[in-house]
N, C-alpha and C. Protein backbone atom coordinates (compact mmCIF):
# COMPACT_ATOMS: atom_id res chain seq x y z
N MET A 1 10.67 28.97 21.07
CA MET A 1 9.22 28.80 21.09
C MET A 1 8.63 29.06 19.71
N LEU A 2 7.73 28.19 19.29
CA LEU A 2 6.99 28.40 18.05
C LEU A 2 5.72 29.19 18.39
N THR A 3 5.48 30.25 17.64
CA THR A 3 4.30 31.07 17.86
C THR A 3 3.50 31.17 16.56
N VAL A 4 2.23 30.84 16.66
CA VAL A 4 1.31 30.91 15.52
C VAL A 4 0.27 31.97 15.85
N ASP A 5 0.16 32.99 14.99
CA ASP A 5 -0.71 34.13 15.27
C ASP A 5 -1.67 34.36 14.12
N HIS A 6 -2.95 34.08 14.37
CA HIS A 6 -4.02 34.28 13.38
C HIS A 6 -3.69 33.61 12.04
N LEU A 7 -3.23 32.39 12.12
CA LEU A 7 -2.95 31.61 10.92
C LEU A 7 -4.26 31.14 10.31
N SER A 8 -4.41 31.30 9.00
CA SER A 8 -5.59 30.81 8.30
C SER A 8 -5.21 30.44 6.88
N ARG A 9 -5.96 29.50 6.30
CA ARG A 9 -5.78 29.11 4.90
C ARG A 9 -6.97 28.25 4.48
N SER A 10 -7.38 28.40 3.27
CA SER A 10 -8.52 27.68 2.68
C SER A 10 -9.62 27.46 3.72
N ILE A 11 -9.85 26.23 4.18
CA ILE A 11 -10.97 25.96 5.07
C ILE A 11 -10.68 26.30 6.53
N LEU A 12 -9.43 26.62 6.86
CA LEU A 12 -9.08 26.87 8.26
C LEU A 12 -9.40 28.30 8.67
N GLN A 13 -10.14 28.43 9.75
CA GLN A 13 -10.39 29.73 10.34
C GLN A 13 -9.16 30.17 11.14
N PRO A 14 -8.98 31.48 11.39
CA PRO A 14 -7.78 31.95 12.09
C PRO A 14 -7.57 31.23 13.43
N VAL A 15 -6.32 30.81 13.64
CA VAL A 15 -5.97 30.11 14.87
C VAL A 15 -4.67 30.69 15.42
N SER A 16 -4.60 30.81 16.73
CA SER A 16 -3.39 31.30 17.39
C SER A 16 -3.04 30.36 18.54
N PHE A 17 -1.77 30.01 18.66
CA PHE A 17 -1.30 29.22 19.79
C PHE A 17 0.21 29.29 19.84
N SER A 18 0.79 28.82 20.92
CA SER A 18 2.24 28.76 21.04
C SER A 18 2.64 27.35 21.46
N LEU A 19 3.87 26.99 21.14
CA LEU A 19 4.42 25.68 21.46
C LEU A 19 5.80 25.90 22.03
N ALA A 20 5.96 25.63 23.32
CA ALA A 20 7.23 25.88 23.99
C ALA A 20 8.25 24.81 23.63
N ASP A 21 9.52 25.12 23.85
CA ASP A 21 10.57 24.13 23.67
C ASP A 21 10.29 22.95 24.59
N GLY A 22 10.42 21.74 24.06
CA GLY A 22 10.22 20.55 24.87
C GLY A 22 8.77 20.26 25.21
N GLU A 23 7.84 20.81 24.43
CA GLU A 23 6.41 20.58 24.68
C GLU A 23 5.80 19.81 23.52
N CYS A 24 4.85 18.95 23.83
CA CYS A 24 4.10 18.22 22.80
C CYS A 24 2.65 18.68 22.82
N LEU A 25 2.15 19.06 21.67
CA LEU A 25 0.77 19.49 21.51
C LEU A 25 0.10 18.52 20.54
N ALA A 26 -0.93 17.82 21.02
CA ALA A 26 -1.66 16.89 20.18
C ALA A 26 -2.63 17.65 19.27
N VAL A 27 -2.91 17.08 18.11
CA VAL A 27 -3.88 17.65 17.17
C VAL A 27 -4.86 16.54 16.82
N GLN A 28 -6.15 16.80 17.03
CA GLN A 28 -7.17 15.81 16.74
C GLN A 28 -8.32 16.41 15.94
N GLY A 29 -9.10 15.54 15.35
CA GLY A 29 -10.25 15.98 14.57
C GLY A 29 -10.58 14.95 13.52
N PRO A 30 -11.78 14.99 12.98
CA PRO A 30 -12.19 14.01 11.96
C PRO A 30 -11.39 14.17 10.68
N SER A 31 -11.38 13.13 9.87
CA SER A 31 -10.70 13.17 8.58
C SER A 31 -11.26 14.30 7.73
N GLY A 32 -10.37 15.04 7.08
CA GLY A 32 -10.79 16.13 6.22
C GLY A 32 -11.08 17.43 6.94
N SER A 33 -10.83 17.47 8.25
CA SER A 33 -11.16 18.67 9.03
C SER A 33 -10.14 19.78 8.87
N GLY A 34 -8.94 19.45 8.41
CA GLY A 34 -7.92 20.48 8.22
C GLY A 34 -6.67 20.29 9.04
N LYS A 35 -6.50 19.14 9.67
CA LYS A 35 -5.32 18.91 10.51
C LYS A 35 -4.02 18.99 9.69
N SER A 36 -4.00 18.27 8.57
CA SER A 36 -2.81 18.28 7.73
C SER A 36 -2.59 19.65 7.12
N LEU A 37 -3.66 20.33 6.77
CA LEU A 37 -3.54 21.69 6.23
C LEU A 37 -2.87 22.61 7.23
N LEU A 38 -3.21 22.44 8.50
CA LEU A 38 -2.62 23.26 9.56
C LEU A 38 -1.12 23.03 9.63
N LEU A 39 -0.70 21.78 9.63
CA LEU A 39 0.73 21.47 9.72
C LEU A 39 1.47 21.95 8.48
N ARG A 40 0.89 21.76 7.33
CA ARG A 40 1.55 22.19 6.08
C ARG A 40 1.71 23.71 6.04
N ALA A 41 0.74 24.43 6.56
CA ALA A 41 0.85 25.88 6.59
C ALA A 41 1.97 26.32 7.53
N ILE A 42 2.06 25.67 8.69
CA ILE A 42 3.12 26.02 9.64
C ILE A 42 4.49 25.73 9.06
N ALA A 43 4.59 24.67 8.25
CA ALA A 43 5.85 24.35 7.59
C ALA A 43 6.12 25.25 6.38
N ASP A 44 5.19 26.17 6.09
CA ASP A 44 5.30 27.09 4.96
C ASP A 44 5.34 26.34 3.63
N LEU A 45 4.57 25.26 3.58
CA LEU A 45 4.48 24.48 2.35
C LEU A 45 3.32 24.94 1.47
N ASP A 46 2.35 25.64 2.07
CA ASP A 46 1.18 26.12 1.34
C ASP A 46 0.96 27.60 1.66
N PRO A 47 0.32 28.34 0.75
CA PRO A 47 0.00 29.74 1.03
C PRO A 47 -0.89 29.86 2.27
N HIS A 48 -0.69 30.92 3.04
CA HIS A 48 -1.48 31.09 4.26
C HIS A 48 -1.46 32.55 4.67
N GLU A 49 -2.38 32.91 5.52
CA GLU A 49 -2.43 34.23 6.13
C GLU A 49 -1.97 34.11 7.58
N GLY A 50 -1.57 35.22 8.16
CA GLY A 50 -1.14 35.21 9.55
C GLY A 50 0.37 35.11 9.67
N THR A 51 0.84 35.03 10.91
CA THR A 51 2.27 35.04 11.19
C THR A 51 2.68 33.78 11.95
N ILE A 52 3.78 33.18 11.52
CA ILE A 52 4.38 32.04 12.20
C ILE A 52 5.82 32.41 12.51
N SER A 53 6.25 32.22 13.75
CA SER A 53 7.61 32.61 14.11
C SER A 53 8.23 31.59 15.04
N LEU A 54 9.54 31.54 15.02
CA LEU A 54 10.32 30.67 15.90
C LEU A 54 11.29 31.55 16.66
N ASP A 55 11.13 31.58 17.97
CA ASP A 55 11.94 32.46 18.83
C ASP A 55 11.86 33.91 18.36
N GLY A 56 10.67 34.31 17.92
CA GLY A 56 10.45 35.69 17.52
C GLY A 56 10.86 36.02 16.10
N VAL A 57 11.41 35.07 15.37
CA VAL A 57 11.83 35.30 13.99
C VAL A 57 10.75 34.74 13.06
N ALA A 58 10.13 35.62 12.26
CA ALA A 58 9.03 35.20 11.39
C ALA A 58 9.52 34.32 10.26
N CYS A 59 8.70 33.34 9.89
CA CYS A 59 9.11 32.38 8.86
C CYS A 59 9.34 33.06 7.52
N HIS A 60 8.61 34.15 7.23
CA HIS A 60 8.77 34.78 5.92
C HIS A 60 10.09 35.52 5.78
N THR A 61 10.83 35.66 6.88
CA THR A 61 12.14 36.31 6.82
C THR A 61 13.27 35.30 6.67
N ILE A 62 12.93 34.02 6.65
CA ILE A 62 13.92 32.95 6.57
C ILE A 62 13.71 32.19 5.26
N PRO A 63 14.77 31.85 4.53
CA PRO A 63 14.60 31.04 3.31
C PRO A 63 13.81 29.77 3.62
N ALA A 64 12.87 29.43 2.75
CA ALA A 64 11.97 28.30 3.01
C ALA A 64 12.69 27.00 3.36
N PRO A 65 13.75 26.60 2.61
CA PRO A 65 14.43 25.35 2.98
C PRO A 65 15.01 25.38 4.39
N GLN A 66 15.52 26.54 4.81
CA GLN A 66 16.08 26.66 6.15
C GLN A 66 14.98 26.57 7.21
N TRP A 67 13.84 27.21 6.95
CA TRP A 67 12.72 27.14 7.88
C TRP A 67 12.25 25.70 8.06
N ARG A 68 12.17 24.96 6.96
CA ARG A 68 11.65 23.59 7.00
C ARG A 68 12.62 22.60 7.63
N LEU A 69 13.89 22.99 7.75
CA LEU A 69 14.81 22.16 8.52
C LEU A 69 14.62 22.36 10.01
N GLN A 70 14.18 23.56 10.39
CA GLN A 70 13.94 23.86 11.80
C GLN A 70 12.53 23.47 12.23
N VAL A 71 11.57 23.72 11.37
CA VAL A 71 10.17 23.41 11.63
C VAL A 71 9.75 22.40 10.56
N MET A 72 9.91 21.12 10.89
CA MET A 72 9.82 20.06 9.89
C MET A 72 8.47 19.33 9.95
N TYR A 73 7.92 19.08 8.78
CA TYR A 73 6.65 18.37 8.66
C TYR A 73 6.90 16.97 8.14
N LEU A 74 6.40 15.97 8.86
CA LEU A 74 6.49 14.58 8.43
C LEU A 74 5.08 14.10 8.08
N PRO A 75 4.76 13.97 6.80
CA PRO A 75 3.40 13.57 6.40
C PRO A 75 3.12 12.12 6.76
N ALA A 76 1.85 11.76 6.70
CA ALA A 76 1.45 10.39 7.01
C ALA A 76 2.08 9.41 6.03
N GLU A 77 2.23 9.81 4.78
CA GLU A 77 2.88 8.98 3.78
C GLU A 77 4.04 9.77 3.19
N ALA A 78 5.24 9.44 3.66
CA ALA A 78 6.43 10.17 3.22
C ALA A 78 6.78 9.82 1.78
N GLY A 79 7.46 10.73 1.12
CA GLY A 79 7.90 10.50 -0.25
C GLY A 79 9.23 9.75 -0.30
N TRP A 80 9.37 8.90 -1.31
CA TRP A 80 10.61 8.13 -1.53
C TRP A 80 10.98 8.28 -3.00
N TRP A 81 12.10 8.91 -3.27
CA TRP A 81 12.46 9.24 -4.65
C TRP A 81 13.58 8.37 -5.21
N GLU A 82 14.16 7.51 -4.39
CA GLU A 82 15.17 6.55 -4.84
C GLU A 82 14.72 5.15 -4.46
N ASP A 83 15.27 4.15 -5.12
CA ASP A 83 14.85 2.77 -4.86
C ASP A 83 15.41 2.23 -3.56
N ARG A 84 16.70 2.46 -3.28
CA ARG A 84 17.33 1.90 -2.09
C ARG A 84 17.16 2.82 -0.89
N VAL A 85 17.11 2.21 0.28
CA VAL A 85 16.95 2.96 1.53
C VAL A 85 18.08 3.95 1.73
N ASP A 86 19.34 3.50 1.61
CA ASP A 86 20.47 4.36 1.97
C ASP A 86 20.62 5.57 1.06
N ALA A 87 19.98 5.55 -0.12
CA ALA A 87 20.03 6.71 -1.00
C ALA A 87 19.30 7.91 -0.41
N HIS A 88 18.47 7.66 0.60
CA HIS A 88 17.71 8.73 1.25
C HIS A 88 18.42 9.27 2.49
N PHE A 89 19.59 8.73 2.79
CA PHE A 89 20.35 9.14 3.98
C PHE A 89 21.77 9.49 3.56
N PRO A 90 22.06 10.78 3.37
CA PRO A 90 23.41 11.18 2.95
C PRO A 90 24.51 10.69 3.91
N ASP A 91 24.19 10.61 5.18
CA ASP A 91 25.15 10.14 6.19
C ASP A 91 24.54 8.96 6.92
N TRP A 92 24.79 7.76 6.40
CA TRP A 92 24.17 6.58 7.00
C TRP A 92 24.67 6.34 8.41
N GLU A 93 25.92 6.66 8.69
CA GLU A 93 26.46 6.44 10.03
C GLU A 93 25.67 7.25 11.06
N ALA A 94 25.35 8.48 10.72
CA ALA A 94 24.55 9.31 11.62
C ALA A 94 23.13 8.75 11.74
N ALA A 95 22.62 8.23 10.64
CA ALA A 95 21.25 7.69 10.65
C ALA A 95 21.14 6.42 11.47
N CYS A 96 22.24 5.67 11.58
CA CYS A 96 22.20 4.39 12.28
C CYS A 96 21.69 4.53 13.71
N PHE A 97 22.04 5.61 14.38
CA PHE A 97 21.58 5.81 15.75
C PHE A 97 20.06 5.77 15.82
N TRP A 98 19.40 6.49 14.90
CA TRP A 98 17.95 6.56 14.92
C TRP A 98 17.32 5.28 14.38
N VAL A 99 17.95 4.68 13.39
CA VAL A 99 17.45 3.41 12.86
C VAL A 99 17.43 2.35 13.95
N GLU A 100 18.51 2.26 14.71
CA GLU A 100 18.58 1.27 15.79
C GLU A 100 17.63 1.63 16.93
N ALA A 101 17.51 2.93 17.23
CA ALA A 101 16.60 3.36 18.30
C ALA A 101 15.16 3.00 17.97
N LEU A 102 14.84 2.99 16.69
CA LEU A 102 13.49 2.62 16.25
C LEU A 102 13.37 1.12 16.00
N GLN A 103 14.40 0.39 16.41
CA GLN A 103 14.45 -1.07 16.35
C GLN A 103 14.24 -1.61 14.94
N LEU A 104 14.91 -0.93 14.00
CA LEU A 104 15.01 -1.44 12.64
C LEU A 104 16.41 -2.02 12.46
N PRO A 105 16.58 -3.08 11.69
CA PRO A 105 17.90 -3.66 11.49
C PRO A 105 18.77 -2.74 10.63
N THR A 106 20.04 -2.61 10.96
CA THR A 106 20.92 -1.75 10.16
C THR A 106 21.08 -2.29 8.74
N SER A 107 20.81 -3.58 8.55
CA SER A 107 20.89 -4.16 7.21
C SER A 107 19.83 -3.61 6.27
N ILE A 108 18.90 -2.85 6.82
CA ILE A 108 17.83 -2.29 6.00
C ILE A 108 18.37 -1.26 5.02
N ARG A 109 19.60 -0.80 5.26
CA ARG A 109 20.18 0.24 4.39
C ARG A 109 20.22 -0.19 2.93
N SER A 110 20.40 -1.48 2.66
CA SER A 110 20.51 -1.96 1.28
C SER A 110 19.19 -2.47 0.71
N ALA A 111 18.12 -2.32 1.49
CA ALA A 111 16.82 -2.82 1.05
C ALA A 111 16.19 -1.88 0.02
N ALA A 112 15.34 -2.43 -0.82
CA ALA A 112 14.55 -1.62 -1.75
C ALA A 112 13.31 -1.13 -1.03
N ILE A 113 13.00 0.14 -1.22
CA ILE A 113 11.84 0.74 -0.55
C ILE A 113 10.58 -0.07 -0.81
N ARG A 114 10.42 -0.56 -2.02
CA ARG A 114 9.18 -1.26 -2.40
C ARG A 114 8.99 -2.56 -1.63
N THR A 115 10.06 -3.09 -1.05
CA THR A 115 9.96 -4.37 -0.33
C THR A 115 9.62 -4.18 1.14
N LEU A 116 9.57 -2.95 1.62
CA LEU A 116 9.35 -2.68 3.03
C LEU A 116 7.87 -2.60 3.37
N SER A 117 7.54 -2.95 4.59
CA SER A 117 6.17 -2.82 5.06
C SER A 117 5.84 -1.36 5.32
N THR A 118 4.55 -1.08 5.48
CA THR A 118 4.13 0.29 5.80
C THR A 118 4.78 0.77 7.09
N GLY A 119 4.82 -0.10 8.10
CA GLY A 119 5.41 0.28 9.37
C GLY A 119 6.89 0.55 9.27
N GLU A 120 7.61 -0.23 8.47
CA GLU A 120 9.05 0.00 8.28
C GLU A 120 9.29 1.32 7.58
N ARG A 121 8.48 1.62 6.58
CA ARG A 121 8.63 2.90 5.88
C ARG A 121 8.33 4.07 6.82
N GLN A 122 7.33 3.92 7.67
CA GLN A 122 7.00 4.99 8.61
C GLN A 122 8.15 5.26 9.56
N ARG A 123 8.74 4.20 10.09
CA ARG A 123 9.85 4.38 11.02
C ARG A 123 11.09 4.93 10.32
N LEU A 124 11.33 4.49 9.08
CA LEU A 124 12.46 5.04 8.33
C LEU A 124 12.26 6.52 8.04
N ALA A 125 11.04 6.91 7.69
CA ALA A 125 10.76 8.33 7.45
C ALA A 125 11.00 9.15 8.70
N LEU A 126 10.64 8.59 9.86
CA LEU A 126 10.89 9.28 11.12
C LEU A 126 12.39 9.41 11.37
N ALA A 127 13.14 8.34 11.13
CA ALA A 127 14.60 8.40 11.28
C ALA A 127 15.20 9.45 10.36
N ARG A 128 14.70 9.53 9.14
CA ARG A 128 15.19 10.51 8.16
C ARG A 128 14.96 11.94 8.66
N ALA A 129 13.83 12.15 9.33
CA ALA A 129 13.56 13.47 9.89
C ALA A 129 14.44 13.76 11.10
N LEU A 130 14.57 12.79 11.99
CA LEU A 130 15.30 13.01 13.23
C LEU A 130 16.78 13.25 13.01
N VAL A 131 17.34 12.67 11.97
CA VAL A 131 18.77 12.86 11.73
C VAL A 131 19.09 14.31 11.39
N ARG A 132 18.07 15.07 11.01
CA ARG A 132 18.26 16.50 10.68
C ARG A 132 18.10 17.41 11.90
N SER A 133 17.76 16.84 13.04
CA SER A 133 17.67 17.58 14.31
C SER A 133 16.78 18.82 14.24
N PRO A 134 15.52 18.68 13.86
CA PRO A 134 14.63 19.85 13.81
C PRO A 134 14.33 20.38 15.19
N ARG A 135 14.08 21.69 15.29
CA ARG A 135 13.64 22.29 16.55
C ARG A 135 12.21 21.92 16.85
N VAL A 136 11.36 21.92 15.81
CA VAL A 136 9.95 21.57 15.92
C VAL A 136 9.68 20.48 14.91
N LEU A 137 9.09 19.38 15.37
CA LEU A 137 8.76 18.27 14.49
C LEU A 137 7.26 18.09 14.48
N MET A 138 6.67 18.22 13.29
CA MET A 138 5.22 18.10 13.13
C MET A 138 4.91 16.75 12.50
N LEU A 139 4.19 15.92 13.21
CA LEU A 139 3.98 14.52 12.85
C LEU A 139 2.52 14.28 12.50
N ASP A 140 2.28 13.72 11.32
CA ASP A 140 0.92 13.45 10.88
C ASP A 140 0.68 11.94 10.97
N GLU A 141 0.05 11.51 12.06
CA GLU A 141 -0.24 10.10 12.30
C GLU A 141 1.01 9.22 12.15
N PRO A 142 2.07 9.48 12.91
CA PRO A 142 3.33 8.75 12.72
C PRO A 142 3.29 7.29 13.14
N THR A 143 2.24 6.87 13.86
CA THR A 143 2.18 5.48 14.31
C THR A 143 0.98 4.72 13.75
N SER A 144 0.33 5.28 12.74
CA SER A 144 -0.92 4.68 12.24
C SER A 144 -0.72 3.29 11.65
N GLY A 145 0.45 3.00 11.10
CA GLY A 145 0.68 1.70 10.48
C GLY A 145 1.50 0.75 11.32
N LEU A 146 1.64 1.05 12.62
CA LEU A 146 2.52 0.27 13.48
C LEU A 146 1.75 -0.65 14.42
N ASP A 147 2.40 -1.76 14.79
CA ASP A 147 1.82 -2.63 15.81
C ASP A 147 2.04 -2.01 17.19
N ARG A 148 1.44 -2.62 18.20
CA ARG A 148 1.46 -2.02 19.54
C ARG A 148 2.87 -1.84 20.07
N THR A 149 3.74 -2.82 19.85
CA THR A 149 5.11 -2.71 20.33
C THR A 149 5.84 -1.57 19.66
N SER A 150 5.69 -1.44 18.35
CA SER A 150 6.36 -0.36 17.62
C SER A 150 5.81 1.00 18.00
N VAL A 151 4.51 1.08 18.27
CA VAL A 151 3.92 2.34 18.74
C VAL A 151 4.60 2.77 20.04
N SER A 152 4.77 1.83 20.95
CA SER A 152 5.41 2.13 22.23
C SER A 152 6.85 2.60 22.04
N ILE A 153 7.56 1.98 21.11
CA ILE A 153 8.95 2.37 20.83
C ILE A 153 9.00 3.80 20.31
N VAL A 154 8.13 4.11 19.35
CA VAL A 154 8.11 5.46 18.76
C VAL A 154 7.72 6.50 19.81
N GLU A 155 6.68 6.23 20.58
CA GLU A 155 6.26 7.18 21.60
C GLU A 155 7.37 7.43 22.61
N SER A 156 8.02 6.39 23.08
CA SER A 156 9.07 6.54 24.08
C SER A 156 10.24 7.35 23.53
N LEU A 157 10.63 7.09 22.29
CA LEU A 157 11.73 7.82 21.68
C LEU A 157 11.40 9.29 21.53
N LEU A 158 10.20 9.58 21.03
CA LEU A 158 9.83 10.98 20.81
C LEU A 158 9.65 11.73 22.12
N LEU A 159 9.14 11.06 23.13
CA LEU A 159 9.00 11.73 24.42
C LEU A 159 10.36 11.98 25.06
N GLN A 160 11.35 11.17 24.75
CA GLN A 160 12.71 11.45 25.19
C GLN A 160 13.24 12.72 24.53
N LEU A 161 12.88 12.92 23.26
CA LEU A 161 13.31 14.12 22.55
C LEU A 161 12.77 15.38 23.22
N LEU A 162 11.57 15.28 23.78
CA LEU A 162 11.00 16.45 24.47
C LEU A 162 11.92 16.91 25.59
N GLN A 163 12.54 15.97 26.29
CA GLN A 163 13.43 16.32 27.39
C GLN A 163 14.68 17.04 26.90
N ASN A 164 15.01 16.88 25.62
CA ASN A 164 16.16 17.57 25.04
C ASN A 164 15.77 18.88 24.36
N GLY A 165 14.49 19.27 24.48
CA GLY A 165 14.06 20.56 23.97
C GLY A 165 13.37 20.56 22.64
N THR A 166 13.28 19.41 21.97
CA THR A 166 12.53 19.34 20.71
C THR A 166 11.04 19.50 21.00
N SER A 167 10.36 20.26 20.17
CA SER A 167 8.91 20.45 20.32
C SER A 167 8.19 19.57 19.30
N LEU A 168 7.04 19.04 19.71
CA LEU A 168 6.27 18.15 18.84
C LEU A 168 4.85 18.67 18.66
N LEU A 169 4.41 18.67 17.42
CA LEU A 169 3.01 18.92 17.08
C LEU A 169 2.53 17.63 16.42
N TRP A 170 1.67 16.87 17.12
CA TRP A 170 1.44 15.46 16.80
C TRP A 170 -0.03 15.20 16.48
N VAL A 171 -0.32 14.92 15.21
CA VAL A 171 -1.68 14.57 14.80
C VAL A 171 -1.93 13.11 15.13
N THR A 172 -3.03 12.83 15.84
CA THR A 172 -3.39 11.47 16.17
C THR A 172 -4.90 11.33 16.20
N HIS A 173 -5.41 10.20 15.71
CA HIS A 173 -6.84 9.91 15.82
C HIS A 173 -7.16 9.14 17.10
N ASP A 174 -6.14 8.79 17.86
CA ASP A 174 -6.30 7.96 19.04
C ASP A 174 -6.35 8.82 20.30
N PRO A 175 -7.52 8.96 20.94
CA PRO A 175 -7.62 9.78 22.15
C PRO A 175 -6.68 9.29 23.26
N ALA A 176 -6.50 7.98 23.37
CA ALA A 176 -5.61 7.46 24.40
C ALA A 176 -4.17 7.88 24.14
N GLN A 177 -3.77 7.89 22.88
CA GLN A 177 -2.42 8.35 22.55
C GLN A 177 -2.26 9.83 22.87
N ALA A 178 -3.26 10.62 22.55
CA ALA A 178 -3.20 12.05 22.87
C ALA A 178 -2.99 12.26 24.36
N GLN A 179 -3.66 11.47 25.17
CA GLN A 179 -3.50 11.58 26.63
C GLN A 179 -2.09 11.19 27.05
N ARG A 180 -1.50 10.21 26.37
CA ARG A 180 -0.16 9.76 26.75
C ARG A 180 0.92 10.76 26.39
N ILE A 181 0.77 11.42 25.25
CA ILE A 181 1.88 12.20 24.71
C ILE A 181 1.83 13.69 25.02
N ALA A 182 0.65 14.21 25.35
CA ALA A 182 0.51 15.67 25.41
C ALA A 182 -0.32 16.11 26.61
N GLN A 183 -0.16 17.37 26.97
CA GLN A 183 -0.97 17.96 28.03
C GLN A 183 -1.99 18.95 27.47
N ARG A 184 -1.80 19.33 26.20
CA ARG A 184 -2.77 20.19 25.53
C ARG A 184 -3.12 19.58 24.18
N CYS A 185 -4.28 19.95 23.67
CA CYS A 185 -4.74 19.39 22.40
C CYS A 185 -5.44 20.46 21.58
N LEU A 186 -5.16 20.48 20.28
CA LEU A 186 -5.90 21.31 19.34
C LEU A 186 -6.94 20.42 18.66
N HIS A 187 -8.20 20.76 18.83
CA HIS A 187 -9.27 20.02 18.18
C HIS A 187 -9.69 20.79 16.93
N VAL A 188 -9.57 20.13 15.78
CA VAL A 188 -9.89 20.77 14.49
C VAL A 188 -11.18 20.16 13.96
N GLN A 189 -12.18 21.01 13.69
CA GLN A 189 -13.45 20.51 13.16
C GLN A 189 -14.12 21.61 12.35
N ASN A 190 -14.48 21.26 11.13
CA ASN A 190 -15.16 22.21 10.23
C ASN A 190 -14.38 23.52 10.09
N GLY A 191 -13.05 23.41 10.08
CA GLY A 191 -12.21 24.57 9.89
C GLY A 191 -11.94 25.38 11.14
N HIS A 192 -12.58 25.03 12.24
CA HIS A 192 -12.37 25.75 13.50
C HIS A 192 -11.41 24.97 14.39
N VAL A 193 -10.57 25.67 15.13
CA VAL A 193 -9.58 25.04 16.00
C VAL A 193 -9.82 25.49 17.43
N LEU A 194 -10.02 24.52 18.31
CA LEU A 194 -10.26 24.80 19.72
C LEU A 194 -9.18 24.12 20.54
N GLU A 195 -8.54 24.87 21.42
CA GLU A 195 -7.49 24.29 22.28
C GLU A 195 -8.09 23.85 23.61
N THR A 196 -7.74 22.66 24.04
CA THR A 196 -8.19 22.15 25.34
C THR A 196 -7.00 21.61 26.11
N THR A 197 -7.19 21.49 27.42
CA THR A 197 -6.18 20.90 28.29
C THR A 197 -6.56 19.45 28.56
N LEU A 198 -5.60 18.56 28.38
CA LEU A 198 -5.85 17.15 28.67
C LEU A 198 -5.67 16.91 30.16
N ARG A 199 -6.40 15.95 30.68
CA ARG A 199 -6.46 15.77 32.14
C ARG A 199 -5.25 15.04 32.70
N THR A 200 -4.57 14.23 31.87
CA THR A 200 -3.43 13.50 32.39
C THR A 200 -2.14 14.13 31.91
N SER A 201 -1.08 13.86 32.61
CA SER A 201 0.21 14.43 32.26
C SER A 201 0.96 13.48 31.34
N VAL A 202 2.00 14.00 30.70
CA VAL A 202 2.82 13.21 29.79
C VAL A 202 3.56 12.14 30.57
N ILE A 203 3.68 10.95 29.97
CA ILE A 203 4.42 9.89 30.63
C ILE A 203 5.90 10.23 30.66
N SER A 204 6.61 9.72 31.66
CA SER A 204 8.04 10.01 31.78
C SER A 204 8.84 8.84 31.25
């Protein structure tokens, strides 16, 4: 279980919540409200106050790279530091499972990043994260650049991960998506975070 206790940073007021294994918690709020700041703080990417722990072990007691492998943040625009796709995947054979699950062609391994569409890059970034098997995956608008079919593919795959115990903290601007993926929601506005219960249950 991920536990956040009185976490605060810059514009964010103290917030506390927990995220159980196999649970998805949606995060919503207007642009600039602090949603990404919240996720970055939990990933220990930015200075913050308060305590964040995984199964009772505080993040400050774990080396930062190790924490970020367990509690992983996937930004809306992932970084690409090499030209070819496969240079970002040390083990392409392991990555193939996720690449195919996201309905990308395996031939994409030899493609240049600059030639890919926004949606292809988003799905590749997700595959790059999933191959590392994080305990908690924090997603910042992971389907914003996708068509309806690709959105459905991504949602179905990630909701399958919930059944295997992976926890998701999912930023979305789409209220309908929040209803589909989560039973609880963190609403972020003007630095304040309010937790609410969504009326519908997660799709199976």
